Amino acid sequence: MFRQLRRSDREMDMAGVIALLNKGDYGVLSTTGADGYAYGVPLSFVFMNDAIYFHGALEGHKYENIRHNNKVSFYRQRSRRA
């Protein structure tokens, strides 16, 4: 299903991923729309109970894309405190 990492020496374990998410303030959520185009939107988030939570209206481009295809990508941006 997923490709093997090219640089497996840089693979992060789950504890590292959780530590990274706990340091974050904002990130970019990337989705794909029904038209096939990618859509990335910066947003503030909180990581809690093994989930990423973000605030937003229950309508709009981001949610239309998630309803169309719930396979998304999230990239945590570096914050000043990271």
C-alpha atoms as a PDB file:
ATOM      1  CA  MET A   1       0.000   0.000   0.000  1.00  0.00           C
ATOM      2  CA  PHE A   2       2.676   2.514   1.010  1.00  0.00           C
ATOM      3  CA  ARG A   3       6.089   2.766  -0.570  1.00  0.00           C
ATOM      4  CA  GLN A   4       9.146   1.905   1.460  1.00  0.00           C
ATOM      5  CA  LEU A   5      11.121   4.945   2.609  1.00  0.00           C
ATOM      6  CA  ARG A   6      14.095   5.715   0.416  1.00  0.00           C
ATOM      7  CA  ARG A   7      16.081   6.949   3.433  1.00  0.00           C
ATOM      8  CA  SER A   8      15.069   4.424   6.068  1.00  0.00           C
ATOM      9  CA  ASP A   9      17.816   5.802   8.346  1.00  0.00           C
ATOM     10  CA  ARG A  10      15.606   8.897   8.772  1.00  0.00           C
ATOM     11  CA  GLU A  11      12.439   7.001   9.623  1.00  0.00           C
ATOM     12  CA  MET A  12      10.756   8.291  12.762  1.00  0.00           C
ATOM     13  CA  ASP A  13       9.119   5.989  15.296  1.00  0.00           C
ATOM     14  CA  MET A  14       5.667   6.762  16.701  1.00  0.00           C
ATOM     15  CA  ALA A  15       7.130   8.345  19.855  1.00  0.00           C
ATOM     16  CA  GLY A  16       9.079  10.771  17.652  1.00  0.00           C
ATOM     17  CA  VAL A  17       6.000  11.593  15.590  1.00  0.00           C
ATOM     18  CA  ILE A  18       3.964  12.299  18.727  1.00  0.00           C
ATOM     19  CA  ALA A  19       6.736  14.503  20.169  1.00  0.00           C
ATOM     20  CA  LEU A  20       6.894  16.433  16.886  1.00  0.00           C
ATOM     21  CA  LEU A  21       3.120  16.966  16.796  1.00  0.00           C
ATOM     22  CA  ASN A  22       3.074  18.071  20.436  1.00  0.00           C
ATOM     23  CA  LYS A  23       5.569  20.846  19.581  1.00  0.00           C
ATOM     24  CA  GLY A  24       3.482  22.169  16.704  1.00  0.00           C
ATOM     25  CA  ASP A  25       1.230  25.209  16.488  1.00  0.00           C
ATOM     26  CA  TYR A  26       0.196  25.046  12.870  1.00  0.00           C
ATOM     27  CA  GLY A  27       0.494  22.886   9.789  1.00  0.00           C
ATOM     28  CA  VAL A  28      -0.797  22.378   6.284  1.00  0.00           C
ATOM     29  CA  LEU A  29      -3.663  20.010   5.544  1.00  0.00           C
ATOM     30  CA  SER A  30      -3.594  18.782   1.947  1.00  0.00           C
ATOM     31  CA  THR A  31      -6.619  17.246   0.269  1.00  0.00           C
ATOM     32  CA  THR A  32      -7.761  16.292  -3.219  1.00  0.00           C
ATOM     33  CA  GLY A  33     -11.003  17.560  -4.674  1.00  0.00           C
ATOM     34  CA  ALA A  34     -13.543  15.909  -6.948  1.00  0.00           C
ATOM     35  CA  ASP A  35     -11.910  17.815  -9.806  1.00  0.00           C
ATOM     36  CA  GLY A  36      -8.625  15.981  -9.116  1.00  0.00           C
ATOM     37  CA  TYR A  37      -6.772  19.082  -7.975  1.00  0.00           C
ATOM     38  CA  ALA A  38      -4.735  19.178  -4.777  1.00  0.00           C
ATOM     39  CA  TYR A  39      -5.682  21.762  -2.142  1.00  0.00           C
ATOM     40  CA  GLY A  40      -3.461  22.703   0.789  1.00  0.00           C
ATOM     41  CA  VAL A  41      -4.641  24.957   3.580  1.00  0.00           C
ATOM     42  CA  PRO A  42      -2.616  26.211   6.562  1.00  0.00           C
ATOM     43  CA  LEU A  43      -4.352  25.798   9.901  1.00  0.00           C
ATOM     44  CA  SER A  44      -3.809  25.858  13.633  1.00  0.00           C
ATOM     45  CA  PHE A  45      -4.138  22.484  15.312  1.00  0.00           C
ATOM     46  CA  VAL A  46      -3.872  20.613  18.572  1.00  0.00           C
ATOM     47  CA  PHE A  47      -2.724  17.006  18.936  1.00  0.00           C
ATOM     48  CA  MET A  48      -4.670  15.215  21.652  1.00  0.00           C
ATOM     49  CA  ASN A  49      -5.879  11.627  22.278  1.00  0.00           C
ATOM     50  CA  ASP A  50      -3.877  10.375  19.271  1.00  0.00           C
ATOM     51  CA  ALA A  51      -5.759  12.665  16.890  1.00  0.00           C
ATOM     52  CA  ILE A  52      -5.178  16.004  15.165  1.00  0.00           C
ATOM     53  CA  TYR A  53      -7.951  18.512  15.852  1.00  0.00           C
ATOM     54  CA  PHE A  54      -8.516  21.753  13.981  1.00  0.00           C
ATOM     55  CA  HIS A  55     -11.220  24.390  13.967  1.00  0.00           C
ATOM     56  CA  GLY A  56     -13.320  25.154  10.936  1.00  0.00           C
ATOM     57  CA  ALA A  57     -16.790  25.588   9.545  1.00  0.00           C
ATOM     58  CA  LEU A  58     -18.666  22.433   8.543  1.00  0.00           C
ATOM     59  CA  GLU A  59     -18.829  23.647   4.965  1.00  0.00           C
ATOM     60  CA  GLY A  60     -16.409  24.946   2.392  1.00  0.00           C
ATOM     61  CA  HIS A  61     -13.668  23.734   0.086  1.00  0.00           C
ATOM     62  CA  LYS A  62     -11.659  21.843   2.737  1.00  0.00           C
ATOM     63  CA  TYR A  63     -14.630  19.805   3.981  1.00  0.00           C
ATOM     64  CA  GLU A  64     -15.993  19.178   0.489  1.00  0.00           C
ATOM     65  CA  ASN A  65     -12.637  17.654  -0.403  1.00  0.00           C
ATOM     66  CA  ILE A  66     -12.489  15.548   2.781  1.00  0.00           C
ATOM     67  CA  ARG A  67     -15.988  14.230   2.130  1.00  0.00           C
ATOM     68  CA  HIS A  68     -14.952  13.383  -1.435  1.00  0.00           C
ATOM     69  CA  ASN A  69     -11.690  11.648  -0.411  1.00  0.00           C
ATOM     70  CA  ASN A  70     -10.717  11.298   3.249  1.00  0.00           C
ATOM     71  CA  LYS A  71      -7.115  10.366   2.427  1.00  0.00           C
ATOM     72  CA  VAL A  72      -5.288  13.530   3.418  1.00  0.00           C
ATOM     73  CA  SER A  73      -1.756  14.636   4.186  1.00  0.00           C
ATOM     74  CA  PHE A  74      -0.736  16.807   7.133  1.00  0.00           C
ATOM     75  CA  TYR A  75       2.593  18.580   7.417  1.00  0.00           C
ATOM     76  CA  ARG A  76       3.479  20.229  10.687  1.00  0.00           C
ATOM     77  CA  GLN A  77       5.204  23.553  10.106  1.00  0.00           C
ATOM     78  CA  ARG A  78       8.088  24.546  12.301  1.00  0.00           C
ATOM     79  CA  SER A  79       7.088  26.957  14.995  1.00  0.00           C
ATOM     80  CA  ARG A  80       9.307  29.425  16.828  1.00  0.00           C
ATOM     81  CA  ARG A  81       9.337  27.196  19.890  1.00  0.00           C
ATOM     82  CA  ALA A  82      10.292  24.000  18.011  1.00  0.00           C
END
